[in-house]
Amino acid sequence: MLVGVFFIALIFIILLAALPFIFKSIFKTQNYMGLSIGLCASALTVASITGVAIVGSVIIGLCLGFSIDNYKSNNSKGIALAIGALLAIFVMIILIYIVIFLFIFFYTKGISNPNQPYNSVFMFIAGYFIPLFGLIYFGFILSSINYKDNYNYGRFQEIPSGFLILSEFFFLLYMIQISGTIMLCMLHHRKVNQYILCILLGCYFIPVFSFLTGLFSNNDYLLLIPNMVLNLAPFGFGIFFYCKYSNQDYPKSELLAPSDI
């Protein structure tokens, strides 16, 4: 059992469960407004990611299986199938990022009504974090408990506990990025600034390409360090625009038209 990994994941799960109460106390949100919308968006995100992951895993498994058979036969098709598996991984990661973005983008409309306070965005953030990241950190707990049984053979014995701990804090940075993305989406729907959508798209999608570049180039620096910096960008912009516009009146009173998305 990896004690450090276990307790760090447990602390994060407890904090996630307490997040609605913490935000309500700090931001004085009325009646947990926005929490249920965030929970719904997160649950649908988890279901969609699971579907994408299952289909992607089947495709990747088939490509790798056929590529191994073709390698044994000295068939050039094996190389093409191996490349196909890498492309499938690339597409699957991109699709997961898009799925997360779309659910956040469209469900934040529910907290962007002119009659709703700006601070309801924090309840949405709390609700969105609980199912998605609760499952992720629960996975870390299972990995830490079963470490000797599941990881202490073959090439997996090379995975150090430090890497798992680093991964736990990497997901913390990802939570920071998601919280900034949620704030920017909400502010975009409220039409406070016409440039927010461009900032939002750039801040959200640039890190995934940096991550994929580091992953496929097998460069740890490109894999981790730029993402640690880039994941803070949407949070910084989100906080800046929130502080700038949250005390102002809603600029337009009419409902959002589809063309305003």
Protein backbone atom coordinates (compact mmCIF):
# COMPACT_ATOMS: atom_id res chain seq x y z
CA MET A 1 0.00 0.00 0.00
CA LEU A 2 1.24 3.49 -0.86
CA VAL A 3 0.40 5.48 2.24
CA GLY A 4 1.31 8.89 0.82
CA VAL A 5 -0.79 8.43 -2.33
CA PHE A 6 -3.71 7.10 -0.26
CA PHE A 7 -3.85 9.97 2.23
CA ILE A 8 -3.35 12.70 -0.36
CA ALA A 9 -6.23 11.29 -2.42
CA LEU A 10 -8.38 10.93 0.71
CA ILE A 11 -7.73 14.57 1.68
CA PHE A 12 -8.73 15.73 -1.80
CA ILE A 13 -11.96 13.68 -1.68
CA ILE A 14 -12.88 15.16 1.71
CA LEU A 15 -12.16 18.67 0.43
CA LEU A 16 -14.27 18.05 -2.68
CA ALA A 17 -17.20 16.89 -0.54
CA ALA A 18 -16.86 19.96 1.69
CA LEU A 19 -16.39 22.40 -1.20
CA PRO A 20 -20.08 23.49 -1.48
CA PHE A 21 -20.15 24.36 2.22
CA ILE A 22 -16.79 26.14 2.01
CA PHE A 23 -17.91 28.21 -1.00
CA LYS A 24 -21.27 28.99 0.60
CA SER A 25 -19.49 30.27 3.69
CA ILE A 26 -16.95 32.34 1.73
CA PHE A 27 -19.14 33.74 -1.06
CA LYS A 28 -22.50 33.83 0.79
CA THR A 29 -24.27 31.98 -2.02
CA GLN A 30 -28.02 31.70 -1.55
CA ASN A 31 -29.58 28.23 -1.36
CA TYR A 32 -26.57 26.57 -3.04
CA MET A 33 -27.66 28.14 -6.34
CA GLY A 34 -25.81 26.51 -9.25
CA LEU A 35 -24.78 23.36 -7.37
CA SER A 36 -27.35 21.04 -8.95
CA ILE A 37 -26.53 22.31 -12.46
CA GLY A 38 -22.84 21.63 -11.86
CA LEU A 39 -23.58 18.13 -10.53
CA CYS A 40 -25.74 17.34 -13.57
CA ALA A 41 -23.12 18.64 -16.01
CA SER A 42 -20.39 16.65 -14.26
CA ALA A 43 -22.41 13.40 -14.20
CA LEU A 44 -23.12 13.68 -17.92
CA THR A 45 -19.45 14.49 -18.54
CA VAL A 46 -18.37 11.34 -16.68
CA ALA A 47 -20.85 9.22 -18.66
CA SER A 48 -19.69 10.70 -21.97
CA ILE A 49 -15.99 10.32 -21.14
CA THR A 50 -16.63 6.69 -20.17
CA GLY A 51 -18.27 6.07 -23.54
CA VAL A 52 -15.44 7.73 -25.45
CA ALA A 53 -12.83 5.82 -23.42
CA ILE A 54 -14.52 2.45 -23.99
CA VAL A 55 -14.83 2.93 -27.75
CA GLY A 56 -11.30 4.37 -27.97
CA SER A 57 -9.83 1.51 -25.93
CA VAL A 58 -11.47 -1.09 -28.18
CA ILE A 59 -10.08 0.61 -31.30
CA ILE A 60 -6.61 0.99 -29.78
CA GLY A 61 -6.62 -2.62 -28.57
CA LEU A 62 -7.58 -3.92 -32.00
CA CYS A 63 -4.91 -1.80 -33.71
CA LEU A 64 -2.21 -2.96 -31.29
CA GLY A 65 -3.31 -6.57 -31.50
CA PHE A 66 -3.22 -6.65 -35.28
CA SER A 67 0.05 -4.71 -35.37
CA ILE A 68 1.74 -7.30 -33.12
CA ASP A 69 0.53 -10.12 -35.38
CA ASN A 70 1.81 -8.31 -38.45
CA TYR A 71 5.16 -7.57 -36.84
CA LYS A 72 5.60 -11.30 -36.22
CA SER A 73 4.87 -11.92 -39.90
CA ASN A 74 7.30 -9.17 -40.93
CA ASN A 75 4.37 -7.39 -42.55
CA SER A 76 4.63 -3.64 -43.13
CA LYS A 77 0.99 -3.32 -42.14
CA GLY A 78 2.11 -3.66 -38.53
CA ILE A 79 3.77 -0.25 -38.65
CA ALA A 80 0.66 1.35 -40.10
CA LEU A 81 -1.53 -0.24 -37.42
CA ALA A 82 0.82 0.91 -34.65
CA ILE A 83 0.61 4.45 -36.03
CA GLY A 84 -3.16 4.02 -36.15
CA ALA A 85 -3.15 3.14 -32.45
CA LEU A 86 -1.21 6.33 -31.65
CA LEU A 87 -3.63 8.38 -33.72
CA ALA A 88 -6.54 6.74 -31.91
CA ILE A 89 -5.00 7.75 -28.57
CA PHE A 90 -4.54 11.31 -29.86
CA VAL A 91 -8.14 11.51 -31.11
CA MET A 92 -9.51 10.01 -27.88
CA ILE A 93 -7.72 12.59 -25.71
CA ILE A 94 -8.90 15.44 -27.96
CA LEU A 95 -12.49 14.13 -27.86
CA ILE A 96 -12.41 13.93 -24.05
CA TYR A 97 -11.20 17.55 -23.87
CA ILE A 98 -13.95 18.63 -26.28
CA VAL A 99 -16.62 16.74 -24.33
CA ILE A 100 -15.59 18.41 -21.09
CA PHE A 101 -15.57 21.83 -22.74
CA LEU A 102 -18.99 21.42 -24.37
CA PHE A 103 -20.72 20.34 -21.17
CA ILE A 104 -19.16 23.24 -19.26
CA PHE A 105 -19.92 25.73 -22.02
CA PHE A 106 -23.60 24.87 -22.43
CA TYR A 107 -24.46 24.14 -18.80
CA THR A 108 -22.96 27.40 -17.55
CA LYS A 109 -25.84 29.10 -19.37
CA GLY A 110 -27.93 27.92 -16.43
CA ILE A 111 -26.06 30.25 -14.07
CA SER A 112 -25.86 33.17 -16.51
CA ASN A 113 -29.40 34.46 -16.16
CA PRO A 114 -29.51 38.19 -15.32
CA ASN A 115 -31.57 37.39 -12.21
CA GLN A 116 -28.85 35.16 -10.80
CA PRO A 117 -25.89 36.46 -8.80
CA TYR A 118 -22.40 36.15 -10.23
CA ASN A 119 -21.19 34.15 -7.22
CA SER A 120 -23.41 31.21 -8.21
CA VAL A 121 -20.51 30.24 -10.48
CA PHE A 122 -18.62 28.96 -7.44
CA MET A 123 -21.43 26.56 -6.56
CA PHE A 124 -21.38 25.34 -10.15
CA ILE A 125 -17.63 24.75 -9.81
CA ALA A 126 -18.14 22.78 -6.60
CA GLY A 127 -20.89 20.68 -8.17
CA TYR A 128 -18.85 20.01 -11.29
CA PHE A 129 -15.79 18.92 -9.31
CA ILE A 130 -17.48 16.40 -6.99
CA PRO A 131 -18.44 13.55 -9.40
CA LEU A 132 -15.63 13.98 -11.94
CA PHE A 133 -12.62 14.51 -9.69
CA GLY A 134 -14.09 12.47 -6.84
CA LEU A 135 -13.92 9.43 -9.13
CA ILE A 136 -10.40 10.31 -10.23
CA TYR A 137 -9.07 10.53 -6.68
CA PHE A 138 -11.02 7.41 -5.70
CA GLY A 139 -9.08 5.71 -8.48
CA PHE A 140 -5.84 6.88 -6.84
CA ILE A 141 -7.00 5.32 -3.56
CA LEU A 142 -7.67 1.99 -5.28
CA SER A 143 -4.27 2.18 -7.00
CA SER A 144 -2.51 2.87 -3.71
CA ILE A 145 -4.24 -0.02 -1.92
CA ASN A 146 -3.62 -2.56 -4.69
CA TYR A 147 -0.18 -1.27 -5.64
CA LYS A 148 1.75 -4.45 -4.77
CA ASP A 149 -0.76 -6.73 -6.45
CA ASN A 150 -1.31 -4.74 -9.62
CA TYR A 151 1.92 -2.86 -10.24
CA ASN A 152 4.72 -4.96 -8.83
CA TYR A 153 5.37 -7.07 -11.88
CA GLY A 154 6.66 -6.62 -15.41
CA ARG A 155 7.38 -3.12 -16.58
CA PHE A 156 4.78 -1.64 -14.19
CA GLN A 157 7.14 -2.12 -11.25
CA GLU A 158 9.03 0.89 -12.67
CA ILE A 159 6.15 3.23 -11.78
CA PRO A 160 7.31 5.02 -8.60
CA SER A 161 4.99 6.32 -5.91
CA GLY A 162 6.39 9.79 -6.55
CA PHE A 163 4.91 9.74 -10.05
CA LEU A 164 1.45 8.95 -8.63
CA ILE A 165 1.75 11.76 -6.09
CA LEU A 166 2.84 14.14 -8.85
CA SER A 167 -0.17 13.00 -10.88
CA GLU A 168 -2.48 13.80 -7.94
CA PHE A 169 -1.21 17.36 -7.85
CA PHE A 170 -1.36 17.54 -11.64
CA PHE A 171 -5.11 16.94 -11.36
CA LEU A 172 -5.22 19.74 -8.79
CA LEU A 173 -3.78 22.03 -11.46
CA TYR A 174 -6.36 20.69 -13.88
CA MET A 175 -9.10 21.58 -11.39
CA ILE A 176 -7.71 25.10 -11.28
CA GLN A 177 -7.85 25.21 -15.08
CA ILE A 178 -11.44 23.91 -15.11
CA SER A 179 -12.55 26.47 -12.53
CA GLY A 180 -11.12 29.26 -14.68
CA THR A 181 -12.80 27.78 -17.75
CA ILE A 182 -16.16 27.73 -15.95
CA MET A 183 -15.81 31.36 -14.90
CA LEU A 184 -14.87 32.45 -18.43
CA CYS A 185 -17.82 30.52 -19.92
CA MET A 186 -20.22 32.16 -17.48
CA LEU A 187 -18.83 35.61 -18.21
CA HIS A 188 -19.05 34.98 -21.95
CA HIS A 189 -22.73 34.06 -21.66
CA ARG A 190 -23.32 37.27 -19.70
CA LYS A 191 -21.81 39.23 -22.60
CA VAL A 192 -19.49 41.29 -20.42
CA ASN A 193 -16.61 41.34 -22.92
CA GLN A 194 -16.48 40.35 -26.59
CA TYR A 195 -12.92 39.01 -26.35
CA ILE A 196 -13.59 36.49 -23.58
CA LEU A 197 -14.55 33.70 -25.99
CA CYS A 198 -11.21 33.95 -27.83
CA ILE A 199 -9.32 33.95 -24.52
CA LEU A 200 -11.40 31.01 -23.33
CA LEU A 201 -10.74 28.84 -26.40
CA GLY A 202 -7.03 29.65 -26.43
CA CYS A 203 -6.52 29.00 -22.72
CA TYR A 204 -8.46 25.75 -22.81
CA PHE A 205 -7.11 24.02 -25.91
CA ILE A 206 -3.45 25.13 -26.01
CA PRO A 207 -2.47 23.02 -22.93
CA VAL A 208 -3.79 19.79 -24.43
CA PHE A 209 -1.59 20.19 -27.51
CA SER A 210 1.38 20.92 -25.25
CA PHE A 211 0.56 17.79 -23.26
CA LEU A 212 0.25 15.63 -26.37
CA THR A 213 3.51 17.02 -27.77
CA GLY A 214 5.33 16.04 -24.59
CA LEU A 215 3.60 12.66 -24.46
CA PHE A 216 4.47 11.58 -28.00
CA SER A 217 7.96 13.08 -27.92
CA ASN A 218 8.64 11.30 -24.60
CA ASN A 219 9.83 14.59 -23.12
CA ASP A 220 8.99 14.95 -19.43
CA TYR A 221 9.62 18.70 -19.47
CA LEU A 222 7.18 19.30 -22.33
CA LEU A 223 4.74 16.90 -20.67
CA LEU A 224 4.57 18.54 -17.26
CA ILE A 225 6.19 21.97 -16.88
CA PRO A 226 4.37 23.92 -19.66
CA ASN A 227 1.06 22.39 -18.56
CA MET A 228 1.63 23.48 -14.98
CA VAL A 229 2.01 27.04 -16.23
CA LEU A 230 -0.66 26.97 -18.94
CA ASN A 231 -3.27 25.46 -16.62
CA LEU A 232 -3.04 28.60 -14.48
CA ALA A 233 -3.83 30.92 -17.41
CA PRO A 234 -7.64 30.40 -17.59
CA PHE A 235 -7.85 30.70 -13.81
CA GLY A 236 -5.94 33.97 -13.89
CA PHE A 237 -8.12 35.39 -16.66
CA GLY A 238 -11.26 34.08 -14.97
CA ILE A 239 -10.43 35.75 -11.66
CA PHE A 240 -9.44 38.98 -13.41
CA PHE A 241 -12.65 39.29 -15.42
CA TYR A 242 -14.81 38.10 -12.54
CA CYS A 243 -13.41 40.77 -10.22
CA LYS A 244 -13.78 43.35 -13.00
CA TYR A 245 -17.40 42.64 -13.95
CA SER A 246 -19.09 40.84 -11.04
CA ASN A 247 -20.02 44.11 -9.32
CA GLN A 248 -21.46 45.63 -12.48
CA ASP A 249 -25.02 45.42 -13.72
CA TYR A 250 -25.81 42.78 -16.32
CA PRO A 251 -25.23 44.57 -19.66
CA LYS A 252 -28.23 43.11 -21.50
CA SER A 253 -31.54 41.97 -20.09
CA GLU A 254 -32.75 39.84 -23.00
CA LEU A 255 -32.26 36.10 -23.15
CA LEU A 256 -29.31 34.73 -25.12
CA ALA A 257 -30.02 33.89 -28.73
CA PRO A 258 -28.37 30.83 -30.35
CA SER A 259 -26.29 33.15 -32.50
CA ASP A 260 -24.78 34.66 -29.33
CA ILE A 261 -23.17 31.43 -28.21
